[in-house]
Amino acid sequence: MDTDQWLVVGLGNPGPGYAGNRHNVGHMVLAELAARLRTTFTSHKTNALVAAGRSGAGGARLILAKPNAFMNVSGGPVAALLRFYKIDPARLIVVHDELDIPFDAIRLKTGGGHGGHNGIRDIAAAIATPEFTRVRIGIGRPPGRQPAADFVLHDFSATERTLLPNILVDAADAVELIATDGLTTAQLRFHSPR
C-alpha cells in the first residue's frame, strides 16, 4: 500500500448533458488535474471513472475519481473507492461547487457540516465521518428568485466562462498543495487576498 496516496473525488452529475453545469465544476477540476498528470480516466468497478498519477517528481500519488452516480448519491462510489485503494478518509479530498462562496473564490476545509450540499451529505453518511478535506469552489447564489436547484443545473454564464479556466487551475493547484504541503499551507495561499 502506498502511504503517500490521496483519493481526489470531483463531484458532478454523469453524462454530457450536465458537463457544463455549475454543479459539475468538480469534474472540470479533475479534468485539469488529469491533464497535468498526463493520465486518462477509465471505468472502474467502484462505479466511477478513475485516473492516477504522481503530482510532480516524487510527489504524492493522486487517484482521481468521478463517481458515475448522480451528485446526491455520490457516497456509495466514494466509500467503495476508499475500501478498494485502502485509503483512510483523512486522505480524501472532495472537490465541489459551493453556493455560499462568491464566484471566483476557493475555500478549503476539513470536516464540518454539509451546508445543504447533498453530495457532501451523502459521502459523510456513506463513510461514517465528515472528517475529510473539501476544496469548495464558489459559484455564488442565484440571481433574483431563481431556485438554487435550477441555478446549479445550468451552465456557467458567458462572463463566468471567461474566468473559469483560472478558477480550475487554482482549484487544481489547491489539491496538489494539500497533498504535498498540507491543508494549512494551502489555506494560507488560497484564503488570502491576492
N, C-alpha and C. Protein backbone atom coordinates (compact mmCIF):
# COMPACT_ATOMS: atom_id res chain seq x y z
N MET A 1 0.85 -1.20 0.00
CA MET A 1 0.00 0.00 0.00
C MET A 1 0.88 1.25 0.00
N ASP A 2 0.57 2.18 -0.88
CA ASP A 2 1.31 3.44 -0.98
C ASP A 2 0.86 4.36 0.15
N THR A 3 1.80 4.73 1.03
CA THR A 3 1.42 5.56 2.18
C THR A 3 1.26 7.03 1.82
N ASP A 4 1.79 7.43 0.66
CA ASP A 4 1.63 8.83 0.23
C ASP A 4 0.63 8.88 -0.92
N GLN A 5 -0.57 8.40 -0.64
CA GLN A 5 -1.60 8.27 -1.65
C GLN A 5 -2.85 9.01 -1.20
N TRP A 6 -3.47 9.74 -2.11
CA TRP A 6 -4.67 10.52 -1.83
C TRP A 6 -5.76 10.15 -2.83
N LEU A 7 -6.99 10.09 -2.36
CA LEU A 7 -8.14 9.94 -3.24
C LEU A 7 -8.75 11.32 -3.43
N VAL A 8 -8.81 11.76 -4.68
CA VAL A 8 -9.36 13.07 -5.02
C VAL A 8 -10.64 12.83 -5.82
N VAL A 9 -11.78 13.21 -5.25
CA VAL A 9 -13.08 12.98 -5.88
C VAL A 9 -13.64 14.31 -6.36
N GLY A 10 -13.99 14.36 -7.62
CA GLY A 10 -14.66 15.53 -8.18
C GLY A 10 -16.14 15.25 -8.31
N LEU A 11 -16.97 16.05 -7.66
CA LEU A 11 -18.41 15.81 -7.70
C LEU A 11 -19.05 16.44 -8.92
N GLY A 12 -20.11 15.79 -9.38
CA GLY A 12 -20.86 16.26 -10.53
C GLY A 12 -21.92 15.24 -10.87
N ASN A 13 -22.60 15.46 -11.96
CA ASN A 13 -23.58 14.51 -12.46
C ASN A 13 -23.04 13.87 -13.73
N PRO A 14 -23.30 12.57 -13.93
CA PRO A 14 -22.75 11.90 -15.11
C PRO A 14 -23.51 12.26 -16.38
N GLY A 15 -22.83 12.15 -17.51
CA GLY A 15 -23.46 12.36 -18.81
C GLY A 15 -23.16 13.71 -19.41
N PRO A 16 -23.11 13.78 -20.75
CA PRO A 16 -22.74 15.02 -21.44
C PRO A 16 -23.72 16.17 -21.22
N GLY A 17 -24.98 15.86 -20.94
CA GLY A 17 -25.96 16.92 -20.73
C GLY A 17 -25.68 17.79 -19.52
N TYR A 18 -24.89 17.28 -18.58
CA TYR A 18 -24.58 18.03 -17.35
C TYR A 18 -23.18 18.62 -17.37
N ALA A 19 -22.39 18.30 -18.38
CA ALA A 19 -20.95 18.58 -18.36
C ALA A 19 -20.59 20.03 -18.05
N GLY A 20 -21.35 20.99 -18.58
CA GLY A 20 -21.02 22.40 -18.37
C GLY A 20 -21.72 23.06 -17.20
N ASN A 21 -22.50 22.28 -16.45
CA ASN A 21 -23.27 22.83 -15.32
C ASN A 21 -22.36 23.31 -14.19
N ARG A 22 -22.85 24.31 -13.44
CA ARG A 22 -22.13 24.77 -12.25
C ARG A 22 -21.90 23.62 -11.27
N HIS A 23 -22.88 22.72 -11.18
CA HIS A 23 -22.79 21.58 -10.25
C HIS A 23 -21.65 20.62 -10.63
N ASN A 24 -21.15 20.73 -11.86
CA ASN A 24 -20.13 19.80 -12.34
C ASN A 24 -18.72 20.38 -12.30
N VAL A 25 -18.53 21.45 -11.57
CA VAL A 25 -17.21 22.07 -11.53
C VAL A 25 -16.17 21.12 -10.92
N GLY A 26 -16.59 20.21 -10.06
CA GLY A 26 -15.66 19.22 -9.51
C GLY A 26 -15.08 18.34 -10.61
N HIS A 27 -15.93 17.92 -11.56
CA HIS A 27 -15.45 17.13 -12.70
C HIS A 27 -14.47 17.94 -13.53
N MET A 28 -14.75 19.23 -13.70
CA MET A 28 -13.88 20.09 -14.50
C MET A 28 -12.49 20.20 -13.89
N VAL A 29 -12.43 20.32 -12.56
CA VAL A 29 -11.12 20.39 -11.88
C VAL A 29 -10.36 19.09 -12.06
N LEU A 30 -11.05 17.96 -11.99
CA LEU A 30 -10.36 16.68 -12.18
C LEU A 30 -9.83 16.53 -13.60
N ALA A 31 -10.52 17.09 -14.58
CA ALA A 31 -10.01 17.08 -15.95
C ALA A 31 -8.69 17.85 -16.02
N GLU A 32 -8.62 18.99 -15.33
CA GLU A 32 -7.38 19.78 -15.27
C GLU A 32 -6.26 18.97 -14.60
N LEU A 33 -6.59 18.31 -13.50
CA LEU A 33 -5.57 17.51 -12.80
C LEU A 33 -5.10 16.33 -13.65
N ALA A 34 -6.03 15.67 -14.34
CA ALA A 34 -5.65 14.54 -15.20
C ALA A 34 -4.71 15.00 -16.31
N ALA A 35 -4.97 16.18 -16.87
CA ALA A 35 -4.09 16.71 -17.91
C ALA A 35 -2.68 16.96 -17.36
N ARG A 36 -2.60 17.49 -16.14
CA ARG A 36 -1.30 17.73 -15.51
C ARG A 36 -0.54 16.43 -15.26
N LEU A 37 -1.28 15.40 -14.84
CA LEU A 37 -0.65 14.12 -14.51
C LEU A 37 -0.43 13.26 -15.75
N ARG A 38 -0.87 13.78 -16.90
CA ARG A 38 -0.76 13.06 -18.18
C ARG A 38 -1.38 11.67 -18.08
N THR A 39 -2.60 11.65 -17.60
CA THR A 39 -3.32 10.39 -17.43
C THR A 39 -4.74 10.56 -17.97
N THR A 40 -5.42 9.45 -18.20
CA THR A 40 -6.79 9.49 -18.70
C THR A 40 -7.69 8.65 -17.80
N PHE A 41 -8.97 8.98 -17.81
CA PHE A 41 -9.94 8.28 -16.99
C PHE A 41 -10.41 6.99 -17.67
N THR A 42 -10.53 5.94 -16.86
CA THR A 42 -11.08 4.67 -17.33
C THR A 42 -12.14 4.21 -16.34
N SER A 43 -13.05 3.37 -16.81
CA SER A 43 -14.10 2.84 -15.94
C SER A 43 -13.51 1.94 -14.87
N HIS A 44 -14.04 2.04 -13.67
CA HIS A 44 -13.56 1.26 -12.53
C HIS A 44 -14.74 0.52 -11.92
N LYS A 45 -14.48 -0.62 -11.31
CA LYS A 45 -15.56 -1.44 -10.76
C LYS A 45 -16.29 -0.81 -9.58
N THR A 46 -15.79 0.33 -9.08
CA THR A 46 -16.44 1.02 -7.97
C THR A 46 -17.52 2.00 -8.45
N ASN A 47 -17.94 1.88 -9.71
CA ASN A 47 -18.92 2.79 -10.30
C ASN A 47 -18.39 4.22 -10.37
N ALA A 48 -17.15 4.32 -10.85
CA ALA A 48 -16.51 5.63 -11.02
C ALA A 48 -15.56 5.57 -12.21
N LEU A 49 -15.24 6.75 -12.73
CA LEU A 49 -14.16 6.87 -13.69
C LEU A 49 -12.93 7.25 -12.90
N VAL A 50 -11.82 6.56 -13.14
CA VAL A 50 -10.63 6.73 -12.31
C VAL A 50 -9.40 6.96 -13.18
N ALA A 51 -8.52 7.84 -12.71
CA ALA A 51 -7.21 8.08 -13.31
C ALA A 51 -6.22 8.26 -12.16
N ALA A 52 -4.96 7.97 -12.39
CA ALA A 52 -3.98 8.10 -11.30
C ALA A 52 -2.64 8.55 -11.84
N GLY A 53 -1.88 9.21 -10.99
CA GLY A 53 -0.54 9.65 -11.34
C GLY A 53 0.09 10.38 -10.18
N ARG A 54 1.37 10.71 -10.36
CA ARG A 54 2.10 11.42 -9.31
C ARG A 54 2.09 12.92 -9.57
N SER A 55 1.92 13.66 -8.49
CA SER A 55 1.92 15.11 -8.55
C SER A 55 3.36 15.60 -8.52
N GLY A 56 3.94 15.82 -9.69
CA GLY A 56 5.33 16.27 -9.76
C GLY A 56 6.30 15.14 -9.49
N ALA A 57 7.57 15.41 -9.69
CA ALA A 57 8.61 14.40 -9.48
C ALA A 57 8.68 14.01 -8.01
N GLY A 58 8.42 12.75 -7.75
CA GLY A 58 8.46 12.27 -6.37
C GLY A 58 7.32 12.75 -5.50
N GLY A 59 6.30 13.33 -6.11
CA GLY A 59 5.18 13.86 -5.34
C GLY A 59 4.21 12.78 -4.92
N ALA A 60 3.15 13.20 -4.27
CA ALA A 60 2.12 12.27 -3.80
C ALA A 60 1.41 11.63 -4.98
N ARG A 61 0.97 10.39 -4.77
CA ARG A 61 0.17 9.71 -5.78
C ARG A 61 -1.27 10.14 -5.61
N LEU A 62 -1.86 10.66 -6.68
CA LEU A 62 -3.24 11.12 -6.66
C LEU A 62 -4.10 10.15 -7.46
N ILE A 63 -5.12 9.61 -6.82
CA ILE A 63 -6.12 8.80 -7.51
C ILE A 63 -7.31 9.72 -7.73
N LEU A 64 -7.57 10.05 -8.97
CA LEU A 64 -8.64 10.96 -9.34
C LEU A 64 -9.88 10.14 -9.66
N ALA A 65 -11.02 10.53 -9.12
CA ALA A 65 -12.24 9.75 -9.35
C ALA A 65 -13.44 10.65 -9.56
N LYS A 66 -14.22 10.30 -10.58
CA LYS A 66 -15.50 10.95 -10.84
C LYS A 66 -16.58 9.87 -10.71
N PRO A 67 -17.37 9.91 -9.64
CA PRO A 67 -18.42 8.90 -9.50
C PRO A 67 -19.37 8.89 -10.70
N ASN A 68 -19.78 7.70 -11.11
CA ASN A 68 -20.76 7.57 -12.19
C ASN A 68 -22.19 7.67 -11.66
N ALA A 69 -22.32 8.11 -10.44
CA ALA A 69 -23.63 8.27 -9.81
C ALA A 69 -24.01 9.75 -9.82
N PHE A 70 -25.30 10.03 -9.67
CA PHE A 70 -25.71 11.42 -9.57
C PHE A 70 -25.21 12.01 -8.26
N MET A 71 -25.04 13.32 -8.26
CA MET A 71 -24.46 14.05 -7.15
C MET A 71 -25.00 13.61 -5.78
N ASN A 72 -26.31 13.49 -5.67
CA ASN A 72 -26.94 13.23 -4.38
C ASN A 72 -26.68 11.83 -3.83
N VAL A 73 -26.14 10.94 -4.67
CA VAL A 73 -25.82 9.58 -4.23
C VAL A 73 -24.35 9.25 -4.53
N SER A 74 -23.49 10.22 -4.28
CA SER A 74 -22.05 10.06 -4.50
C SER A 74 -21.39 9.17 -3.46
N GLY A 75 -22.02 9.01 -2.31
CA GLY A 75 -21.39 8.33 -1.19
C GLY A 75 -21.00 6.89 -1.45
N GLY A 76 -21.87 6.13 -2.12
CA GLY A 76 -21.58 4.72 -2.39
C GLY A 76 -20.28 4.52 -3.16
N PRO A 77 -20.12 5.18 -4.31
CA PRO A 77 -18.87 5.05 -5.04
C PRO A 77 -17.64 5.52 -4.24
N VAL A 78 -17.79 6.61 -3.48
CA VAL A 78 -16.65 7.11 -2.70
C VAL A 78 -16.25 6.10 -1.63
N ALA A 79 -17.22 5.54 -0.93
CA ALA A 79 -16.91 4.53 0.09
C ALA A 79 -16.23 3.32 -0.55
N ALA A 80 -16.72 2.90 -1.73
CA ALA A 80 -16.13 1.76 -2.42
C ALA A 80 -14.69 2.05 -2.85
N LEU A 81 -14.44 3.26 -3.31
CA LEU A 81 -13.08 3.66 -3.71
C LEU A 81 -12.13 3.64 -2.52
N LEU A 82 -12.56 4.19 -1.39
CA LEU A 82 -11.71 4.18 -0.19
C LEU A 82 -11.36 2.76 0.22
N ARG A 83 -12.35 1.86 0.16
CA ARG A 83 -12.08 0.46 0.51
C ARG A 83 -11.14 -0.20 -0.49
N PHE A 84 -11.40 0.01 -1.77
CA PHE A 84 -10.61 -0.64 -2.82
C PHE A 84 -9.14 -0.24 -2.72
N TYR A 85 -8.88 1.06 -2.55
CA TYR A 85 -7.50 1.55 -2.52
C TYR A 85 -6.90 1.56 -1.11
N LYS A 86 -7.70 1.13 -0.10
CA LYS A 86 -7.25 1.10 1.29
C LYS A 86 -6.73 2.47 1.74
N ILE A 87 -7.56 3.48 1.50
CA ILE A 87 -7.22 4.86 1.84
C ILE A 87 -8.09 5.30 3.01
N ASP A 88 -7.49 5.92 4.00
CA ASP A 88 -8.22 6.46 5.14
C ASP A 88 -8.97 7.73 4.71
N PRO A 89 -10.17 7.98 5.25
CA PRO A 89 -10.89 9.21 4.91
C PRO A 89 -10.08 10.49 5.16
N ALA A 90 -9.09 10.44 6.05
CA ALA A 90 -8.23 11.61 6.27
C ALA A 90 -7.43 11.98 5.03
N ARG A 91 -7.35 11.06 4.06
CA ARG A 91 -6.63 11.32 2.81
C ARG A 91 -7.59 11.39 1.62
N LEU A 92 -8.82 11.79 1.93
CA LEU A 92 -9.83 12.01 0.90
C LEU A 92 -9.99 13.52 0.70
N ILE A 93 -9.91 13.95 -0.56
CA ILE A 93 -10.16 15.35 -0.93
C ILE A 93 -11.36 15.35 -1.88
N VAL A 94 -12.41 16.07 -1.51
CA VAL A 94 -13.59 16.17 -2.36
C VAL A 94 -13.66 17.58 -2.93
N VAL A 95 -13.76 17.68 -4.25
CA VAL A 95 -13.83 18.96 -4.96
C VAL A 95 -15.28 19.18 -5.39
N HIS A 96 -15.87 20.31 -4.96
CA HIS A 96 -17.29 20.52 -5.26
C HIS A 96 -17.65 21.99 -5.33
N ASP A 97 -18.82 22.26 -5.91
CA ASP A 97 -19.36 23.60 -6.01
C ASP A 97 -19.92 24.03 -4.65
N GLU A 98 -19.97 25.35 -4.43
CA GLU A 98 -20.47 25.86 -3.14
C GLU A 98 -21.24 27.16 -3.39
N LEU A 99 -22.54 27.12 -3.11
CA LEU A 99 -23.41 28.29 -3.29
C LEU A 99 -23.05 29.43 -2.33
N ASP A 100 -22.59 29.11 -1.14
CA ASP A 100 -22.36 30.13 -0.12
C ASP A 100 -21.00 30.82 -0.22
N ILE A 101 -20.27 30.55 -1.29
CA ILE A 101 -18.99 31.22 -1.53
C ILE A 101 -19.13 31.97 -2.85
N PRO A 102 -18.68 33.23 -2.91
CA PRO A 102 -18.83 34.01 -4.14
C PRO A 102 -18.11 33.35 -5.32
N PHE A 103 -18.65 33.55 -6.50
CA PHE A 103 -18.00 33.05 -7.71
C PHE A 103 -16.57 33.59 -7.77
N ASP A 104 -15.65 32.76 -8.21
CA ASP A 104 -14.23 33.10 -8.36
C ASP A 104 -13.47 33.05 -7.04
N ALA A 105 -14.03 32.40 -6.01
CA ALA A 105 -13.31 32.21 -4.75
C ALA A 105 -13.25 30.72 -4.44
N ILE A 106 -12.17 30.31 -3.80
CA ILE A 106 -11.98 28.91 -3.40
C ILE A 106 -11.73 28.89 -1.90
N ARG A 107 -12.38 27.97 -1.21
CA ARG A 107 -12.16 27.82 0.22
C ARG A 107 -11.90 26.35 0.52
N LEU A 108 -11.00 26.11 1.45
CA LEU A 108 -10.57 24.76 1.80
C LEU A 108 -10.86 24.50 3.27
N LYS A 109 -11.33 23.28 3.57
CA LYS A 109 -11.55 22.93 4.97
C LYS A 109 -11.58 21.42 5.12
N THR A 110 -11.42 20.99 6.35
CA THR A 110 -11.61 19.59 6.70
C THR A 110 -12.75 19.50 7.70
N GLY A 111 -13.65 18.54 7.47
CA GLY A 111 -14.74 18.30 8.40
C GLY A 111 -15.79 19.39 8.37
N GLY A 112 -16.65 19.35 9.39
CA GLY A 112 -17.74 20.31 9.49
C GLY A 112 -19.00 19.77 8.85
N GLY A 113 -19.99 20.60 8.77
CA GLY A 113 -21.28 20.21 8.22
C GLY A 113 -21.26 20.17 6.71
N HIS A 114 -22.42 19.81 6.13
CA HIS A 114 -22.52 19.71 4.68
C HIS A 114 -23.05 20.99 4.04
N GLY A 115 -23.56 21.93 4.86
CA GLY A 115 -24.03 23.20 4.34
C GLY A 115 -25.14 23.08 3.30
N GLY A 116 -25.92 22.01 3.39
CA GLY A 116 -27.00 21.82 2.43
C GLY A 116 -26.57 21.15 1.13
N HIS A 117 -25.29 20.82 1.01
CA HIS A 117 -24.80 20.17 -0.21
C HIS A 117 -25.07 18.67 -0.11
N ASN A 118 -25.97 18.18 -0.95
CA ASN A 118 -26.41 16.79 -0.83
C ASN A 118 -25.31 15.78 -1.17
N GLY A 119 -24.40 16.14 -2.04
CA GLY A 119 -23.29 15.25 -2.34
C GLY A 119 -22.39 15.05 -1.14
N ILE A 120 -22.08 16.14 -0.45
CA ILE A 120 -21.24 16.07 0.75
C ILE A 120 -21.98 15.32 1.86
N ARG A 121 -23.27 15.58 2.00
CA ARG A 121 -24.08 14.88 3.00
C ARG A 121 -24.03 13.37 2.76
N ASP A 122 -24.20 12.94 1.51
CA ASP A 122 -24.23 11.52 1.19
C ASP A 122 -22.87 10.85 1.41
N ILE A 123 -21.80 11.55 1.09
CA ILE A 123 -20.46 10.99 1.31
C ILE A 123 -20.21 10.80 2.81
N ALA A 124 -20.50 11.84 3.60
CA ALA A 124 -20.28 11.76 5.04
C ALA A 124 -21.07 10.60 5.65
N ALA A 125 -22.30 10.39 5.18
CA ALA A 125 -23.12 9.29 5.69
C ALA A 125 -22.54 7.94 5.27
N ALA A 126 -22.10 7.83 4.01
CA ALA A 126 -21.62 6.55 3.49
C ALA A 126 -20.30 6.11 4.11
N ILE A 127 -19.43 7.09 4.44
CA ILE A 127 -18.13 6.71 5.02
C ILE A 127 -18.11 6.89 6.53
N ALA A 128 -19.26 7.27 7.09
CA ALA A 128 -19.47 7.37 8.55
C ALA A 128 -18.56 8.39 9.23
N THR A 129 -18.18 9.44 8.48
CA THR A 129 -17.43 10.54 9.08
C THR A 129 -17.48 11.76 8.15
N PRO A 130 -17.56 12.97 8.75
CA PRO A 130 -17.44 14.18 7.93
C PRO A 130 -15.99 14.66 7.84
N GLU A 131 -15.08 13.90 8.45
CA GLU A 131 -13.68 14.36 8.56
C GLU A 131 -12.88 14.04 7.31
N PHE A 132 -13.20 14.75 6.24
CA PHE A 132 -12.41 14.67 5.01
C PHE A 132 -12.25 16.10 4.49
N THR A 133 -11.28 16.29 3.62
CA THR A 133 -10.95 17.63 3.13
C THR A 133 -11.85 17.99 1.95
N ARG A 134 -12.27 19.25 1.94
CA ARG A 134 -13.11 19.74 0.84
C ARG A 134 -12.42 20.93 0.17
N VAL A 135 -12.39 20.90 -1.15
CA VAL A 135 -11.99 22.05 -1.96
C VAL A 135 -13.30 22.60 -2.50
N ARG A 136 -13.72 23.73 -1.93
CA ARG A 136 -15.05 24.30 -2.21
C ARG A 136 -14.89 25.45 -3.20
N ILE A 137 -15.52 25.29 -4.35
CA ILE A 137 -15.39 26.27 -5.43
C ILE A 137 -16.65 27.12 -5.46
N GLY A 138 -16.48 28.41 -5.22
CA GLY A 138 -17.62 29.31 -5.15
C GLY A 138 -18.32 29.47 -6.48
N ILE A 139 -19.65 29.30 -6.46
CA ILE A 139 -20.46 29.59 -7.65
C ILE A 139 -21.45 30.71 -7.36
N GLY A 140 -21.49 31.17 -6.10
CA GLY A 140 -22.38 32.26 -5.73
C GLY A 140 -23.84 31.83 -5.68
N ARG A 141 -24.65 32.73 -5.21
CA ARG A 141 -26.09 32.48 -5.08
C ARG A 141 -26.81 32.84 -6.39
N PRO A 142 -27.93 32.19 -6.67
CA PRO A 142 -28.67 32.51 -7.90
C PRO A 142 -29.24 33.92 -7.84
N PRO A 143 -29.35 34.55 -9.00
CA PRO A 143 -29.91 35.90 -9.04
C PRO A 143 -31.43 35.88 -8.82
N GLY A 144 -31.93 36.94 -8.24
CA GLY A 144 -33.38 37.09 -8.07
C GLY A 144 -33.98 35.95 -7.28
N ARG A 145 -35.05 35.41 -7.81
CA ARG A 145 -35.78 34.34 -7.11
C ARG A 145 -35.54 32.97 -7.73
N GLN A 146 -34.54 32.86 -8.55
CA GLN A 146 -34.26 31.56 -9.18
C GLN A 146 -33.93 30.52 -8.10
N PRO A 147 -34.60 29.38 -8.12
CA PRO A 147 -34.31 28.34 -7.13
C PRO A 147 -32.87 27.84 -7.27
N ALA A 148 -32.24 27.56 -6.13
CA ALA A 148 -30.86 27.08 -6.14
C ALA A 148 -30.71 25.81 -6.97
N ALA A 149 -31.70 24.91 -6.90
CA ALA A 149 -31.63 23.64 -7.64
C ALA A 149 -31.55 23.88 -9.15
N ASP A 150 -32.26 24.90 -9.64
CA ASP A 150 -32.19 25.23 -11.08
C ASP A 150 -30.85 25.88 -11.42
N PHE A 151 -30.40 26.76 -10.56
CA PHE A 151 -29.16 27.50 -10.78
C PHE A 151 -27.97 26.56 -10.94
N VAL A 152 -27.84 25.58 -10.05
CA VAL A 152 -26.67 24.69 -10.10
C VAL A 152 -26.70 23.78 -11.31
N LEU A 153 -27.90 23.55 -11.87
CA LEU A 153 -28.03 22.66 -13.04
C LEU A 153 -28.04 23.42 -14.36
N HIS A 154 -27.61 24.68 -14.31
CA HIS A 154 -27.41 25.46 -15.54
C HIS A 154 -25.92 25.65 -15.76
N ASP A 155 -25.57 25.85 -17.02
CA ASP A 155 -24.17 26.10 -17.36
C ASP A 155 -23.74 27.46 -16.82
N PHE A 156 -22.43 27.61 -16.65
CA PHE A 156 -21.88 28.91 -16.27
C PHE A 156 -22.25 29.93 -17.35
N SER A 157 -22.44 31.19 -16.93
CA SER A 157 -22.75 32.26 -17.88
C SER A 157 -21.54 32.55 -18.76
N ALA A 158 -21.76 33.29 -19.82
CA ALA A 158 -20.66 33.63 -20.73
C ALA A 158 -19.57 34.40 -20.00
N THR A 159 -19.96 35.33 -19.13
CA THR A 159 -18.98 36.10 -18.35
C THR A 159 -18.20 35.18 -17.42
N GLU A 160 -18.92 34.28 -16.74
CA GLU A 160 -18.25 33.34 -15.83
C GLU A 160 -17.29 32.42 -16.58
N ARG A 161 -17.67 32.03 -17.78
CA ARG A 161 -16.82 31.11 -18.55
C ARG A 161 -15.47 31.73 -18.91
N THR A 162 -15.41 33.06 -18.99
CA THR A 162 -14.11 33.69 -19.28
C THR A 162 -13.16 33.56 -18.10
N LEU A 163 -13.70 33.51 -16.87
CA LEU A 163 -12.87 33.39 -15.67
C LEU A 163 -12.66 31.95 -15.25
N LEU A 164 -13.50 31.05 -15.72
CA LEU A 164 -13.50 29.66 -15.26
C LEU A 164 -12.15 28.95 -15.42
N PRO A 165 -11.43 29.10 -16.54
CA PRO A 165 -10.15 28.39 -16.65
C PRO A 165 -9.18 28.72 -15.52
N ASN A 166 -9.14 29.98 -15.08
CA ASN A 166 -8.25 30.36 -13.98
C ASN A 166 -8.69 29.73 -12.66
N ILE A 167 -10.01 29.64 -12.47
CA ILE A 167 -10.54 29.02 -11.24
C ILE A 167 -10.19 27.54 -11.20
N LEU A 168 -10.31 26.87 -12.34
CA LEU A 168 -9.98 25.45 -12.40
C LEU A 168 -8.50 25.21 -12.12
N VAL A 169 -7.65 26.08 -12.63
CA VAL A 169 -6.21 25.98 -12.36
C VAL A 169 -5.94 26.19 -10.87
N ASP A 170 -6.57 27.20 -10.28
CA ASP A 170 -6.38 27.46 -8.85
C ASP A 170 -6.84 26.27 -8.00
N ALA A 171 -7.99 25.70 -8.34
CA ALA A 171 -8.51 24.57 -7.57
C ALA A 171 -7.59 23.36 -7.70
N ALA A 172 -7.07 23.12 -8.91
CA ALA A 172 -6.13 22.01 -9.11
C ALA A 172 -4.84 22.26 -8.33
N ASP A 173 -4.38 23.51 -8.34
CA ASP A 173 -3.20 23.87 -7.53
C ASP A 173 -3.46 23.59 -6.05
N ALA A 174 -4.67 23.92 -5.59
CA ALA A 174 -5.03 23.71 -4.18
C ALA A 174 -4.97 22.23 -3.82
N VAL A 175 -5.50 21.37 -4.69
CA VAL A 175 -5.46 19.93 -4.44
C VAL A 175 -4.02 19.46 -4.31
N GLU A 176 -3.17 19.87 -5.25
CA GLU A 176 -1.78 19.43 -5.23
C GLU A 176 -1.06 19.95 -3.99
N LEU A 177 -1.35 21.18 -3.60
CA LEU A 177 -0.70 21.76 -2.43
C LEU A 177 -1.13 21.06 -1.14
N ILE A 178 -2.40 20.71 -1.04
CA ILE A 178 -2.87 19.95 0.13
C ILE A 178 -2.11 18.63 0.23
N ALA A 179 -1.96 17.94 -0.90
CA ALA A 179 -1.32 16.62 -0.91
C ALA A 179 0.17 16.70 -0.61
N THR A 180 0.82 17.80 -0.99
CA THR A 180 2.27 17.89 -0.79
C THR A 180 2.66 18.64 0.48
N ASP A 181 1.96 19.74 0.79
CA ASP A 181 2.37 20.61 1.90
C ASP A 181 1.35 20.71 3.03
N GLY A 182 0.17 20.12 2.86
CA GLY A 182 -0.83 20.13 3.92
C GLY A 182 -1.88 21.22 3.75
N LEU A 183 -2.97 21.03 4.47
CA LEU A 183 -4.12 21.92 4.37
C LEU A 183 -3.81 23.34 4.81
N THR A 184 -3.09 23.50 5.92
CA THR A 184 -2.83 24.85 6.44
C THR A 184 -2.06 25.69 5.43
N THR A 185 -1.04 25.12 4.82
CA THR A 185 -0.26 25.84 3.81
C THR A 185 -1.15 26.24 2.64
N ALA A 186 -2.01 25.31 2.20
CA ALA A 186 -2.90 25.60 1.08
C ALA A 186 -3.90 26.70 1.46
N GLN A 187 -4.43 26.66 2.68
CA GLN A 187 -5.36 27.69 3.12
C GLN A 187 -4.71 29.07 3.13
N LEU A 188 -3.46 29.14 3.59
CA LEU A 188 -2.75 30.42 3.63
C LEU A 188 -2.65 31.03 2.23
N ARG A 189 -2.48 30.17 1.24
CA ARG A 189 -2.35 30.68 -0.13
C ARG A 189 -3.71 31.05 -0.71
N PHE A 190 -4.71 30.20 -0.54
CA PHE A 190 -5.97 30.40 -1.27
C PHE A 190 -7.01 31.19 -0.50
N HIS A 191 -6.83 31.38 0.81
CA HIS A 191 -7.78 32.19 1.56
C HIS A 191 -7.31 33.64 1.70
N SER A 192 -6.07 33.90 1.31
CA SER A 192 -5.52 35.26 1.44
C SER A 192 -5.87 36.08 0.22
N PRO A 193 -6.11 37.38 0.41
CA PRO A 193 -6.37 38.24 -0.76
C PRO A 193 -5.13 38.28 -1.64
N ARG A 194 -5.38 38.29 -2.96
CA ARG A 194 -4.24 38.33 -3.89
C ARG A 194 -4.24 39.62 -4.66
